[in-house]
Amino acid sequence: SSGINAEYGDYGRIVLTTDNVLHSAERVQNTPSRADGINYEDERDIKIIGCELIQASGLLLQLPQVAMATAQILFHRFYLVKSLVIHNYEHQAMAAIFLAAKIEEHPRRIRDGINC
């Protein structure tokens, strides 16, 4: 048995191992944003601003630090596969904080996030 649920195919479960937690240096350096023409420094600066936005929003929403850190990880992982050129960092930061609050069992209403 391959361990894959036949009903859901390859997407029926999440498998988290040390093989898929860390990304190779090549993947981190060759992001979709870089392919779309954003240089390393600009990409880094936008990601820093996004993380600062997540931190500030988390404080306003009175979330624990673990939820803010989870949101920042989600934010960075999103931009490993999507481009900053196409996806607005502010929208993604707010989506990450909303999702992380739920993951860490400190849910907030969407309206609360919008009002931050």
PDB file of N, CA and C in Angstrom:
ATOM      1  N   SER A   1       0.838  -1.186   0.000  1.00  0.00           N
ATOM      2  CA  SER A   1       0.000   0.000   0.000  1.00  0.00           C
ATOM      3  C   SER A   1       0.886   1.253   0.000  1.00  0.00           C
ATOM      4  N   SER A   2       0.563   2.196  -0.845  1.00  0.00           N
ATOM      5  CA  SER A   2       1.360   3.414  -0.949  1.00  0.00           C
ATOM      6  C   SER A   2       0.987   4.434   0.109  1.00  0.00           C
ATOM      7  N   GLY A   3      -0.081   4.174   0.863  1.00  0.00           N
ATOM      8  CA  GLY A   3      -0.477   5.111   1.900  1.00  0.00           C
ATOM      9  C   GLY A   3      -1.354   6.242   1.380  1.00  0.00           C
ATOM     10  N   ILE A   4      -1.692   6.211   0.093  1.00  0.00           N
ATOM     11  CA  ILE A   4      -2.533   7.258  -0.493  1.00  0.00           C
ATOM     12  C   ILE A   4      -3.971   6.785  -0.474  1.00  0.00           C
ATOM     13  N   ASN A   5      -4.851   7.580   0.050  1.00  0.00           N
ATOM     14  CA  ASN A   5      -6.266   7.262   0.116  1.00  0.00           C
ATOM     15  C   ASN A   5      -6.828   7.273  -1.302  1.00  0.00           C
ATOM     16  N   ALA A   6      -7.375   6.148  -1.745  1.00  0.00           N
ATOM     17  CA  ALA A   6      -7.859   6.014  -3.126  1.00  0.00           C
ATOM     18  C   ALA A   6      -8.989   6.989  -3.426  1.00  0.00           C
ATOM     19  N   GLU A   7      -9.800   7.299  -2.432  1.00  0.00           N
ATOM     20  CA  GLU A   7     -10.931   8.195  -2.657  1.00  0.00           C
ATOM     21  C   GLU A   7     -10.487   9.607  -3.016  1.00  0.00           C
ATOM     22  N   TYR A   8      -9.390  10.089  -2.410  1.00  0.00           N
ATOM     23  CA  TYR A   8      -8.935  11.451  -2.614  1.00  0.00           C
ATOM     24  C   TYR A   8      -7.706  11.562  -3.509  1.00  0.00           C
ATOM     25  N   GLY A   9      -7.128  10.459  -3.893  1.00  0.00           N
ATOM     26  CA  GLY A   9      -5.943  10.514  -4.736  1.00  0.00           C
ATOM     27  C   GLY A   9      -4.768  11.113  -3.989  1.00  0.00           C
ATOM     28  N   ASP A  10      -3.936  11.829  -4.690  1.00  0.00           N
ATOM     29  CA  ASP A  10      -2.728  12.403  -4.107  1.00  0.00           C
ATOM     30  C   ASP A  10      -3.011  13.571  -3.171  1.00  0.00           C
ATOM     31  N   TYR A  11      -4.232  14.124  -3.198  1.00  0.00           N
ATOM     32  CA  TYR A  11      -4.508  15.336  -2.435  1.00  0.00           C
ATOM     33  C   TYR A  11      -5.396  15.086  -1.226  1.00  0.00           C
ATOM     34  N   GLY A  12      -5.560  13.847  -0.829  1.00  0.00           N
ATOM     35  CA  GLY A  12      -6.464  13.517   0.258  1.00  0.00           C
ATOM     36  C   GLY A  12      -5.902  13.759   1.637  1.00  0.00           C
ATOM     37  N   ARG A  13      -4.621  14.000   1.756  1.00  0.00           N
ATOM     38  CA  ARG A  13      -4.028  14.207   3.066  1.00  0.00           C
ATOM     39  C   ARG A  13      -2.767  15.049   2.916  1.00  0.00           C
ATOM     40  N   ILE A  14      -2.345  15.589   4.007  1.00  0.00           N
ATOM     41  CA  ILE A  14      -1.117  16.376   4.015  1.00  0.00           C
ATOM     42  C   ILE A  14      -0.023  15.523   4.627  1.00  0.00           C
ATOM     43  N   VAL A  15       1.066  15.413   3.936  1.00  0.00           N
ATOM     44  CA  VAL A  15       2.199  14.650   4.440  1.00  0.00           C
ATOM     45  C   VAL A  15       3.308  15.638   4.743  1.00  0.00           C
ATOM     46  N   LEU A  16       3.702  15.699   5.989  1.00  0.00           N
ATOM     47  CA  LEU A  16       4.742  16.628   6.403  1.00  0.00           C
ATOM     48  C   LEU A  16       5.925  15.824   6.913  1.00  0.00           C
ATOM     49  N   THR A  17       7.001  15.870   6.160  1.00  0.00           N
ATOM     50  CA  THR A  17       8.221  15.167   6.547  1.00  0.00           C
ATOM     51  C   THR A  17       9.381  16.147   6.441  1.00  0.00           C
ATOM     52  N   THR A  18      10.541  15.719   6.886  1.00  0.00           N
ATOM     53  CA  THR A  18      11.703  16.595   6.773  1.00  0.00           C
ATOM     54  C   THR A  18      12.105  16.796   5.322  1.00  0.00           C
ATOM     55  N   ASP A  19      11.593  15.960   4.425  1.00  0.00           N
ATOM     56  CA  ASP A  19      11.905  16.121   3.006  1.00  0.00           C
ATOM     57  C   ASP A  19      11.158  17.289   2.377  1.00  0.00           C
ATOM     58  N   ASN A  20       9.984  17.641   2.907  1.00  0.00           N
ATOM     59  CA  ASN A  20       9.210  18.705   2.278  1.00  0.00           C
ATOM     60  C   ASN A  20       8.995  19.921   3.177  1.00  0.00           C
ATOM     61  N   VAL A  21       9.654  19.972   4.318  1.00  0.00           N
ATOM     62  CA  VAL A  21       9.528  21.127   5.206  1.00  0.00           C
ATOM     63  C   VAL A  21      10.472  22.239   4.771  1.00  0.00           C
ATOM     64  N   LEU A  22      11.698  21.880   4.488  1.00  0.00           N
ATOM     65  CA  LEU A  22      12.702  22.856   4.084  1.00  0.00           C
ATOM     66  C   LEU A  22      12.802  22.911   2.573  1.00  0.00           C
ATOM     67  N   HIS A  23      13.089  24.079   2.059  1.00  0.00           N
ATOM     68  CA  HIS A  23      13.218  24.250   0.617  1.00  0.00           C
ATOM     69  C   HIS A  23      14.682  24.381   0.243  1.00  0.00           C
ATOM     70  N   SER A  24      14.995  23.949  -0.943  1.00  0.00           N
ATOM     71  CA  SER A  24      16.379  24.036  -1.401  1.00  0.00           C
ATOM     72  C   SER A  24      16.748  25.498  -1.635  1.00  0.00           C
ATOM     73  N   ALA A  25      18.039  25.767  -1.581  1.00  0.00           N
ATOM     74  CA  ALA A  25      18.524  27.128  -1.830  1.00  0.00           C
ATOM     75  C   ALA A  25      18.138  27.578  -3.225  1.00  0.00           C
ATOM     76  N   GLU A  26      18.161  26.661  -4.171  1.00  0.00           N
ATOM     77  CA  GLU A  26      17.794  27.004  -5.551  1.00  0.00           C
ATOM     78  C   GLU A  26      16.339  27.461  -5.637  1.00  0.00           C
ATOM     79  N   ARG A  27      15.440  26.761  -4.930  1.00  0.00           N
ATOM     80  CA  ARG A  27      14.031  27.144  -4.957  1.00  0.00           C
ATOM     81  C   ARG A  27      13.810  28.502  -4.300  1.00  0.00           C
ATOM     82  N   VAL A  28      14.518  28.754  -3.221  1.00  0.00           N
ATOM     83  CA  VAL A  28      14.375  30.027  -2.513  1.00  0.00           C
ATOM     84  C   VAL A  28      14.923  31.176  -3.357  1.00  0.00           C
ATOM     85  N   GLN A  29      15.991  30.940  -4.086  1.00  0.00           N
ATOM     86  CA  GLN A  29      16.601  31.992  -4.909  1.00  0.00           C
ATOM     87  C   GLN A  29      15.856  32.232  -6.209  1.00  0.00           C
ATOM     88  N   ASN A  30      15.189  31.229  -6.732  1.00  0.00           N
ATOM     89  CA  ASN A  30      14.502  31.338  -8.027  1.00  0.00           C
ATOM     90  C   ASN A  30      12.995  31.368  -7.837  1.00  0.00           C
ATOM     91  N   THR A  31      12.517  32.384  -7.165  1.00  0.00           N
ATOM     92  CA  THR A  31      11.087  32.510  -6.901  1.00  0.00           C
ATOM     93  C   THR A  31      10.363  33.043  -8.137  1.00  0.00           C
ATOM     94  N   PRO A  32       9.048  32.875  -8.199  1.00  0.00           N
ATOM     95  CA  PRO A  32       8.277  33.451  -9.301  1.00  0.00           C
ATOM     96  C   PRO A  32       8.429  34.979  -9.395  1.00  0.00           C
ATOM     97  N   SER A  33       8.605  35.645  -8.260  1.00  0.00           N
ATOM     98  CA  SER A  33       8.794  37.095  -8.269  1.00  0.00           C
ATOM     99  C   SER A  33      10.084  37.460  -8.995  1.00  0.00           C
ATOM    100  N   ARG A  34      11.132  36.695  -8.754  1.00  0.00           N
ATOM    101  CA  ARG A  34      12.410  36.945  -9.435  1.00  0.00           C
ATOM    102  C   ARG A  34      12.251  36.711 -10.924  1.00  0.00           C
ATOM    103  N   ALA A  35      11.484  35.666 -11.293  1.00  0.00           N
ATOM    104  CA  ALA A  35      11.242  35.379 -12.711  1.00  0.00           C
ATOM    105  C   ALA A  35      10.454  36.503 -13.374  1.00  0.00           C
ATOM    106  N   ASP A  36       9.647  37.221 -12.572  1.00  0.00           N
ATOM    107  CA  ASP A  36       8.856  38.338 -13.094  1.00  0.00           C
ATOM    108  C   ASP A  36       9.609  39.664 -13.052  1.00  0.00           C
ATOM    109  N   GLY A  37      10.892  39.634 -12.699  1.00  0.00           N
ATOM    110  CA  GLY A  37      11.713  40.832 -12.798  1.00  0.00           C
ATOM    111  C   GLY A  37      11.973  41.594 -11.516  1.00  0.00           C
ATOM    112  N   ILE A  38      11.524  41.098 -10.373  1.00  0.00           N
ATOM    113  CA  ILE A  38      11.808  41.777  -9.109  1.00  0.00           C
ATOM    114  C   ILE A  38      13.183  41.316  -8.634  1.00  0.00           C
ATOM    115  N   ASN A  39      14.045  42.260  -8.302  1.00  0.00           N
ATOM    116  CA  ASN A  39      15.378  41.863  -7.845  1.00  0.00           C
ATOM    117  C   ASN A  39      15.321  41.399  -6.391  1.00  0.00           C
ATOM    118  N   TYR A  40      16.408  40.781  -5.946  1.00  0.00           N
ATOM    119  CA  TYR A  40      16.468  40.169  -4.618  1.00  0.00           C
ATOM    120  C   TYR A  40      16.169  41.184  -3.514  1.00  0.00           C
ATOM    121  N   GLU A  41      16.793  42.355  -3.576  1.00  0.00           N
ATOM    122  CA  GLU A  41      16.627  43.352  -2.515  1.00  0.00           C
ATOM    123  C   GLU A  41      15.182  43.836  -2.414  1.00  0.00           C
ATOM    124  N   ASP A  42      14.549  44.092  -3.551  1.00  0.00           N
ATOM    125  CA  ASP A  42      13.156  44.546  -3.531  1.00  0.00           C
ATOM    126  C   ASP A  42      12.224  43.462  -3.002  1.00  0.00           C
ATOM    127  N   GLU A  43      12.460  42.237  -3.432  1.00  0.00           N
ATOM    128  CA  GLU A  43      11.635  41.122  -2.948  1.00  0.00           C
ATOM    129  C   GLU A  43      11.777  40.977  -1.435  1.00  0.00           C
ATOM    130  N   ARG A  44      13.008  41.019  -0.944  1.00  0.00           N
ATOM    131  CA  ARG A  44      13.265  40.920   0.492  1.00  0.00           C
ATOM    132  C   ARG A  44      12.576  42.058   1.241  1.00  0.00           C
ATOM    133  N   ASP A  45      12.695  43.281   0.732  1.00  0.00           N
ATOM    134  CA  ASP A  45      12.101  44.439   1.403  1.00  0.00           C
ATOM    135  C   ASP A  45      10.574  44.337   1.449  1.00  0.00           C
ATOM    136  N   ILE A  46       9.958  43.886   0.369  1.00  0.00           N
ATOM    137  CA  ILE A  46       8.501  43.740   0.357  1.00  0.00           C
ATOM    138  C   ILE A  46       8.065  42.665   1.343  1.00  0.00           C
ATOM    139  N   LYS A  47       8.822  41.582   1.418  1.00  0.00           N
ATOM    140  CA  LYS A  47       8.487  40.520   2.372  1.00  0.00           C
ATOM    141  C   LYS A  47       8.657  41.002   3.811  1.00  0.00           C
ATOM    142  N   ILE A  48       9.664  41.818   4.064  1.00  0.00           N
ATOM    143  CA  ILE A  48       9.850  42.381   5.404  1.00  0.00           C
ATOM    144  C   ILE A  48       8.675  43.282   5.757  1.00  0.00           C
ATOM    145  N   ILE A  49       8.256  44.114   4.826  1.00  0.00           N
ATOM    146  CA  ILE A  49       7.105  44.992   5.062  1.00  0.00           C
ATOM    147  C   ILE A  49       5.853  44.160   5.322  1.00  0.00           C
ATOM    148  N   GLY A  50       5.679  43.086   4.554  1.00  0.00           N
ATOM    149  CA  GLY A  50       4.532  42.192   4.757  1.00  0.00           C
ATOM    150  C   GLY A  50       4.538  41.574   6.150  1.00  0.00           C
ATOM    151  N   CYS A  51       5.710  41.152   6.609  1.00  0.00           N
ATOM    152  CA  CYS A  51       5.817  40.568   7.950  1.00  0.00           C
ATOM    153  C   CYS A  51       5.574  41.610   9.032  1.00  0.00           C
ATOM    154  N   GLU A  52       6.022  42.833   8.802  1.00  0.00           N
ATOM    155  CA  GLU A  52       5.750  43.911   9.758  1.00  0.00           C
ATOM    156  C   GLU A  52       4.252  44.217   9.804  1.00  0.00           C
ATOM    157  N   LEU A  53       3.597  44.154   8.666  1.00  0.00           N
ATOM    158  CA  LEU A  53       2.148  44.358   8.601  1.00  0.00           C
ATOM    159  C   LEU A  53       1.425  43.257   9.375  1.00  0.00           C
ATOM    160  N   ILE A  54       1.877  42.030   9.211  1.00  0.00           N
ATOM    161  CA  ILE A  54       1.293  40.907   9.951  1.00  0.00           C
ATOM    162  C   ILE A  54       1.478  41.121  11.454  1.00  0.00           C
ATOM    163  N   GLN A  55       2.678  41.520  11.861  1.00  0.00           N
ATOM    164  CA  GLN A  55       2.957  41.737  13.277  1.00  0.00           C
ATOM    165  C   GLN A  55       2.063  42.843  13.843  1.00  0.00           C
ATOM    166  N   ALA A  56       1.962  43.951  13.137  1.00  0.00           N
ATOM    167  CA  ALA A  56       1.129  45.067  13.606  1.00  0.00           C
ATOM    168  C   ALA A  56      -0.347  44.669  13.671  1.00  0.00           C
ATOM    169  N   SER A  57      -0.810  43.945  12.658  1.00  0.00           N
ATOM    170  CA  SER A  57      -2.201  43.496  12.645  1.00  0.00           C
ATOM    171  C   SER A  57      -2.478  42.534  13.781  1.00  0.00           C
ATOM    172  N   GLY A  58      -1.536  41.627  14.022  1.00  0.00           N
ATOM    173  CA  GLY A  58      -1.698  40.674  15.114  1.00  0.00           C
ATOM    174  C   GLY A  58      -1.790  41.358  16.465  1.00  0.00           C
ATOM    175  N   LEU A  59      -1.003  42.409  16.650  1.00  0.00           N
ATOM    176  CA  LEU A  59      -1.073  43.158  17.903  1.00  0.00           C
ATOM    177  C   LEU A  59      -2.422  43.854  18.058  1.00  0.00           C
ATOM    178  N   LEU A  60      -2.905  44.448  16.973  1.00  0.00           N
ATOM    179  CA  LEU A  60      -4.212  45.113  17.023  1.00  0.00           C
ATOM    180  C   LEU A  60      -5.348  44.126  17.267  1.00  0.00           C
ATOM    181  N   LEU A  61      -5.197  42.916  16.728  1.00  0.00           N
ATOM    182  CA  LEU A  61      -6.215  41.879  16.919  1.00  0.00           C
ATOM    183  C   LEU A  61      -6.027  41.112  18.224  1.00  0.00           C
ATOM    184  N   GLN A  62      -4.993  41.473  18.983  1.00  0.00           N
ATOM    185  CA  GLN A  62      -4.664  40.835  20.260  1.00  0.00           C
ATOM    186  C   GLN A  62      -4.463  39.331  20.105  1.00  0.00           C
ATOM    187  N   LEU A  63      -3.706  38.964  19.070  1.00  0.00           N
ATOM    188  CA  LEU A  63      -3.381  37.566  18.826  1.00  0.00           C
ATOM    189  C   LEU A  63      -2.091  37.203  19.553  1.00  0.00           C
ATOM    190  N   PRO A  64      -1.941  35.947  19.935  1.00  0.00           N
ATOM    191  CA  PRO A  64      -0.671  35.536  20.539  1.00  0.00           C
ATOM    192  C   PRO A  64       0.448  35.540  19.499  1.00  0.00           C
ATOM    193  N   GLN A  65       1.675  35.635  19.969  1.00  0.00           N
ATOM    194  CA  GLN A  65       2.821  35.698  19.068  1.00  0.00           C
ATOM    195  C   GLN A  65       2.908  34.476  18.167  1.00  0.00           C
ATOM    196  N   VAL A  66       2.516  33.322  18.663  1.00  0.00           N
ATOM    197  CA  VAL A  66       2.594  32.110  17.845  1.00  0.00           C
ATOM    198  C   VAL A  66       1.693  32.223  16.611  1.00  0.00           C
ATOM    199  N   ALA A  67       0.561  32.872  16.719  1.00  0.00           N
ATOM    200  CA  ALA A  67      -0.324  33.061  15.569  1.00  0.00           C
ATOM    201  C   ALA A  67       0.309  34.015  14.555  1.00  0.00           C
ATOM    202  N   MET A  68       0.977  35.054  15.045  1.00  0.00           N
ATOM    203  CA  MET A  68       1.643  35.992  14.138  1.00  0.00           C
ATOM    204  C   MET A  68       2.816  35.316  13.428  1.00  0.00           C
ATOM    205  N   ALA A  69       3.554  34.501  14.150  1.00  0.00           N
ATOM    206  CA  ALA A  69       4.677  33.781  13.537  1.00  0.00           C
ATOM    207  C   ALA A  69       4.171  32.790  12.498  1.00  0.00           C
ATOM    208  N   THR A  70       3.073  32.116  12.793  1.00  0.00           N
ATOM    209  CA  THR A  70       2.471  31.193  11.822  1.00  0.00           C
ATOM    210  C   THR A  70       2.051  31.950  10.572  1.00  0.00           C
ATOM    211  N   ALA A  71       1.472  33.126  10.734  1.00  0.00           N
ATOM    212  CA  ALA A  71       1.053  33.939   9.587  1.00  0.00           C
ATOM    213  C   ALA A  71       2.259  34.340   8.740  1.00  0.00           C
ATOM    214  N   GLN A  72       3.353  34.685   9.382  1.00  0.00           N
ATOM    215  CA  GLN A  72       4.551  35.074   8.640  1.00  0.00           C
ATOM    216  C   GLN A  72       5.126  33.892   7.865  1.00  0.00           C
ATOM    217  N   ILE A  73       5.066  32.720   8.434  1.00  0.00           N
ATOM    218  CA  ILE A  73       5.522  31.525   7.713  1.00  0.00           C
ATOM    219  C   ILE A  73       4.627  31.256   6.513  1.00  0.00           C
ATOM    220  N   LEU A  74       3.312  31.346   6.710  1.00  0.00           N
ATOM    221  CA  LEU A  74       2.382  31.149   5.596  1.00  0.00           C
ATOM    222  C   LEU A  74       2.636  32.175   4.490  1.00  0.00           C
ATOM    223  N   PHE A  75       2.891  33.399   4.885  1.00  0.00           N
ATOM    224  CA  PHE A  75       3.166  34.490   3.944  1.00  0.00           C
ATOM    225  C   PHE A  75       4.400  34.174   3.104  1.00  0.00           C
ATOM    226  N   HIS A  76       5.481  33.774   3.760  1.00  0.00           N
ATOM    227  CA  HIS A  76       6.718  33.453   3.036  1.00  0.00           C
ATOM    228  C   HIS A  76       6.541  32.229   2.141  1.00  0.00           C
ATOM    229  N   ARG A  77       5.853  31.215   2.639  1.00  0.00           N
ATOM    230  CA  ARG A  77       5.654  30.009   1.832  1.00  0.00           C
ATOM    231  C   ARG A  77       4.789  30.294   0.605  1.00  0.00           C
ATOM    232  N   PHE A  78       3.819  31.194   0.753  1.00  0.00           N
ATOM    233  CA  PHE A  78       2.972  31.570  -0.379  1.00  0.00           C
ATOM    234  C   PHE A  78       3.822  32.141  -1.504  1.00  0.00           C
ATOM    235  N   TYR A  79       4.749  33.023  -1.139  1.00  0.00           N
ATOM    236  CA  TYR A  79       5.562  33.677  -2.166  1.00  0.00           C
ATOM    237  C   TYR A  79       6.716  32.818  -2.681  1.00  0.00           C
ATOM    238  N   LEU A  80       6.845  31.606  -2.196  1.00  0.00           N
ATOM    239  CA  LEU A  80       7.769  30.663  -2.830  1.00  0.00           C
ATOM    240  C   LEU A  80       7.170  30.103  -4.116  1.00  0.00           C
ATOM    241  N   VAL A  81       5.837  30.148  -4.211  1.00  0.00           N
ATOM    242  CA  VAL A  81       5.171  29.581  -5.395  1.00  0.00           C
ATOM    243  C   VAL A  81       4.357  30.604  -6.188  1.00  0.00           C
ATOM    244  N   LYS A  82       4.165  31.789  -5.644  1.00  0.00           N
ATOM    245  CA  LYS A  82       3.409  32.845  -6.328  1.00  0.00           C
ATOM    246  C   LYS A  82       4.242  34.110  -6.405  1.00  0.00           C
ATOM    247  N   SER A  83       3.912  34.968  -7.362  1.00  0.00           N
ATOM    248  CA  SER A  83       4.695  36.164  -7.616  1.00  0.00           C
ATOM    249  C   SER A  83       4.130  37.399  -6.912  1.00  0.00           C
ATOM    250  N   LEU A  84       5.035  38.213  -6.402  1.00  0.00           N
ATOM    251  CA  LEU A  84       4.658  39.504  -5.827  1.00  0.00           C
ATOM    252  C   LEU A  84       4.094  40.448  -6.882  1.00  0.00           C
ATOM    253  N   VAL A  85       4.443  40.219  -8.127  1.00  0.00           N
ATOM    254  CA  VAL A  85       3.947  41.054  -9.218  1.00  0.00           C
ATOM    255  C   VAL A  85       2.444  40.847  -9.407  1.00  0.00           C
ATOM    256  N   ILE A  86       1.987  39.632  -9.234  1.00  0.00           N
ATOM    257  CA  ILE A  86       0.586  39.287  -9.489  1.00  0.00           C
ATOM    258  C   ILE A  86      -0.267  39.402  -8.232  1.00  0.00           C
ATOM    259  N   HIS A  87       0.290  39.016  -7.083  1.00  0.00           N
ATOM    260  CA  HIS A  87      -0.474  38.942  -5.837  1.00  0.00           C
ATOM    261  C   HIS A  87      -0.020  40.029  -4.865  1.00  0.00           C
ATOM    262  N   ASN A  88      -0.929  40.925  -4.535  1.00  0.00           N
ATOM    263  CA  ASN A  88      -0.671  42.059  -3.660  1.00  0.00           C
ATOM    264  C   ASN A  88      -0.246  41.581  -2.266  1.00  0.00           C
ATOM    265  N   TYR A  89       0.889  42.063  -1.800  1.00  0.00           N
ATOM    266  CA  TYR A  89       1.418  41.595  -0.518  1.00  0.00           C
ATOM    267  C   TYR A  89       0.525  41.968   0.655  1.00  0.00           C
ATOM    268  N   GLU A  90      -0.174  43.106   0.577  1.00  0.00           N
ATOM    269  CA  GLU A  90      -1.046  43.510   1.677  1.00  0.00           C
ATOM    270  C   GLU A  90      -2.228  42.552   1.816  1.00  0.00           C
ATOM    271  N   HIS A  91      -2.804  42.163   0.680  1.00  0.00           N
ATOM    272  CA  HIS A  91      -3.924  41.214   0.709  1.00  0.00           C
ATOM    273  C   HIS A  91      -3.464  39.861   1.237  1.00  0.00           C
ATOM    274  N   GLN A  92      -2.294  39.432   0.802  1.00  0.00           N
ATOM    275  CA  GLN A  92      -1.775  38.133   1.240  1.00  0.00           C
ATOM    276  C   GLN A  92      -1.417  38.153   2.721  1.00  0.00           C
ATOM    277  N   ALA A  93      -0.910  39.276   3.217  1.00  0.00           N
ATOM    278  CA  ALA A  93      -0.591  39.384   4.643  1.00  0.00           C
ATOM    279  C   ALA A  93      -1.863  39.274   5.479  1.00  0.00           C
ATOM    280  N   MET A  94      -2.920  39.929   5.046  1.00  0.00           N
ATOM    281  CA  MET A  94      -4.178  39.863   5.792  1.00  0.00           C
ATOM    282  C   MET A  94      -4.789  38.465   5.710  1.00  0.00           C
ATOM    283  N   ALA A  95      -4.694  37.828   4.554  1.00  0.00           N
ATOM    284  CA  ALA A  95      -5.184  36.451   4.428  1.00  0.00           C
ATOM    285  C   ALA A  95      -4.392  35.518   5.329  1.00  0.00           C
ATOM    286  N   ALA A  96      -3.086  35.722   5.406  1.00  0.00           N
ATOM    287  CA  ALA A  96      -2.234  34.877   6.239  1.00  0.00           C
ATOM    288  C   ALA A  96      -2.575  35.045   7.721  1.00  0.00           C
ATOM    289  N   ILE A  97      -2.823  36.276   8.168  1.00  0.00           N
ATOM    290  CA  ILE A  97      -3.140  36.494   9.586  1.00  0.00           C
ATOM    291  C   ILE A  97      -4.507  35.907   9.916  1.00  0.00           C
ATOM    292  N   PHE A  98      -5.446  36.011   8.993  1.00  0.00           N
ATOM    293  CA  PHE A  98      -6.778  35.428   9.187  1.00  0.00           C
ATOM    294  C   PHE A  98      -6.680  33.910   9.300  1.00  0.00           C
ATOM    295  N   LEU A  99      -5.951  33.283   8.375  1.00  0.00           N
ATOM    296  CA  LEU A  99      -5.801  31.833   8.380  1.00  0.00           C
ATOM    297  C   LEU A  99      -5.014  31.360   9.603  1.00  0.00           C
ATOM    298  N   ALA A 100      -3.943  32.049   9.936  1.00  0.00           N
ATOM    299  CA  ALA A 100      -3.122  31.653  11.084  1.00  0.00           C
ATOM    300  C   ALA A 100      -3.905  31.755  12.394  1.00  0.00           C
ATOM    301  N   ALA A 101      -4.747  32.750  12.519  1.00  0.00           N
ATOM    302  CA  ALA A 101      -5.563  32.885  13.726  1.00  0.00           C
ATOM    303  C   ALA A 101      -6.467  31.666  13.881  1.00  0.00           C
ATOM    304  N   LYS A 102      -6.993  31.190  12.794  1.00  0.00           N
ATOM    305  CA  LYS A 102      -7.836  29.993  12.842  1.00  0.00           C
ATOM    306  C   LYS A 102      -7.008  28.744  13.132  1.00  0.00           C
ATOM    307  N   ILE A 103      -5.866  28.626  12.478  1.00  0.00           N
ATOM    308  CA  ILE A 103      -5.001  27.465  12.699  1.00  0.00           C
ATOM    309  C   ILE A 103      -4.592  27.375  14.161  1.00  0.00           C
ATOM    310  N   GLU A 104      -4.252  28.491  14.753  1.00  0.00           N
ATOM    311  CA  GLU A 104      -3.785  28.526  16.141  1.00  0.00           C
ATOM    312  C   GLU A 104      -4.924  28.644  17.152  1.00  0.00           C
ATOM    313  N   GLU A 105      -6.157  28.468  16.670  1.00  0.00           N
ATOM    314  CA  GLU A 105      -7.357  28.452  17.514  1.00  0.00           C
ATOM    315  C   GLU A 105      -7.596  29.747  18.275  1.00  0.00           C
ATOM    316  N   HIS A 106      -7.341  30.856  17.591  1.00  0.00           N
ATOM    317  CA  HIS A 106      -7.675  32.188  18.095  1.00  0.00           C
ATOM    318  C   HIS A 106      -8.388  32.938  16.966  1.00  0.00           C
ATOM    319  N   PRO A 107      -9.507  32.383  16.483  1.00  0.00           N
ATOM    320  CA  PRO A 107     -10.141  32.953  15.294  1.00  0.00           C
ATOM    321  C   PRO A 107     -10.642  34.379  15.499  1.00  0.00           C
ATOM    322  N   ARG A 108     -10.561  35.135  14.432  1.00  0.00           N
ATOM    323  CA  ARG A 108     -11.097  36.497  14.408  1.00  0.00           C
ATOM    324  C   ARG A 108     -12.005  36.617  13.192  1.00  0.00           C
ATOM    325  N   ARG A 109     -12.962  37.497  13.264  1.00  0.00           N
ATOM    326  CA  ARG A 109     -13.854  37.715  12.126  1.00  0.00           C
ATOM    327  C   ARG A 109     -13.092  38.435  11.018  1.00  0.00           C
ATOM    328  N   ILE A 110     -13.507  38.198   9.797  1.00  0.00           N
ATOM    329  CA  ILE A 110     -12.888  38.881   8.657  1.00  0.00           C
ATOM    330  C   ILE A 110     -13.029  40.395   8.830  1.00  0.00           C
ATOM    331  N   ARG A 111     -14.161  40.828   9.323  1.00  0.00           N
ATOM    332  CA  ARG A 111     -14.414  42.249   9.530  1.00  0.00           C
ATOM    333  C   ARG A 111     -13.369  42.864  10.469  1.00  0.00           C
ATOM    334  N   ASP A 112     -12.960  42.120  11.489  1.00  0.00           N
ATOM    335  CA  ASP A 112     -11.933  42.621  12.407  1.00  0.00           C
ATOM    336  C   ASP A 112     -10.621  42.836  11.689  1.00  0.00           C
ATOM    337  N   GLY A 113     -10.269  41.908  10.811  1.00  0.00           N
ATOM    338  CA  GLY A 113      -9.021  42.055  10.042  1.00  0.00           C
ATOM    339  C   GLY A 113      -9.073  43.219   9.088  1.00  0.00           C
ATOM    340  N   ILE A 114     -10.210  43.442   8.475  1.00  0.00           N
ATOM    341  CA  ILE A 114     -10.358  44.552   7.533  1.00  0.00           C
ATOM    342  C   ILE A 114     -10.265  45.892   8.257  1.00  0.00           C
ATOM    343  N   ASN A 115     -10.773  45.945   9.475  1.00  0.00           N
ATOM    344  CA  ASN A 115     -10.775  47.190  10.230  1.00  0.00           C
ATOM    345  C   ASN A 115      -9.434  47.540  10.859  1.00  0.00           C
ATOM    346  N   CYS A 116      -8.447  46.635  10.781  1.00  0.00           N
ATOM    347  CA  CYS A 116      -7.128  46.905  11.385  1.00  0.00           C
ATOM    348  C   CYS A 116      -6.467  48.093  10.764  1.00  0.00           C
TER     349      CYS A 116
END
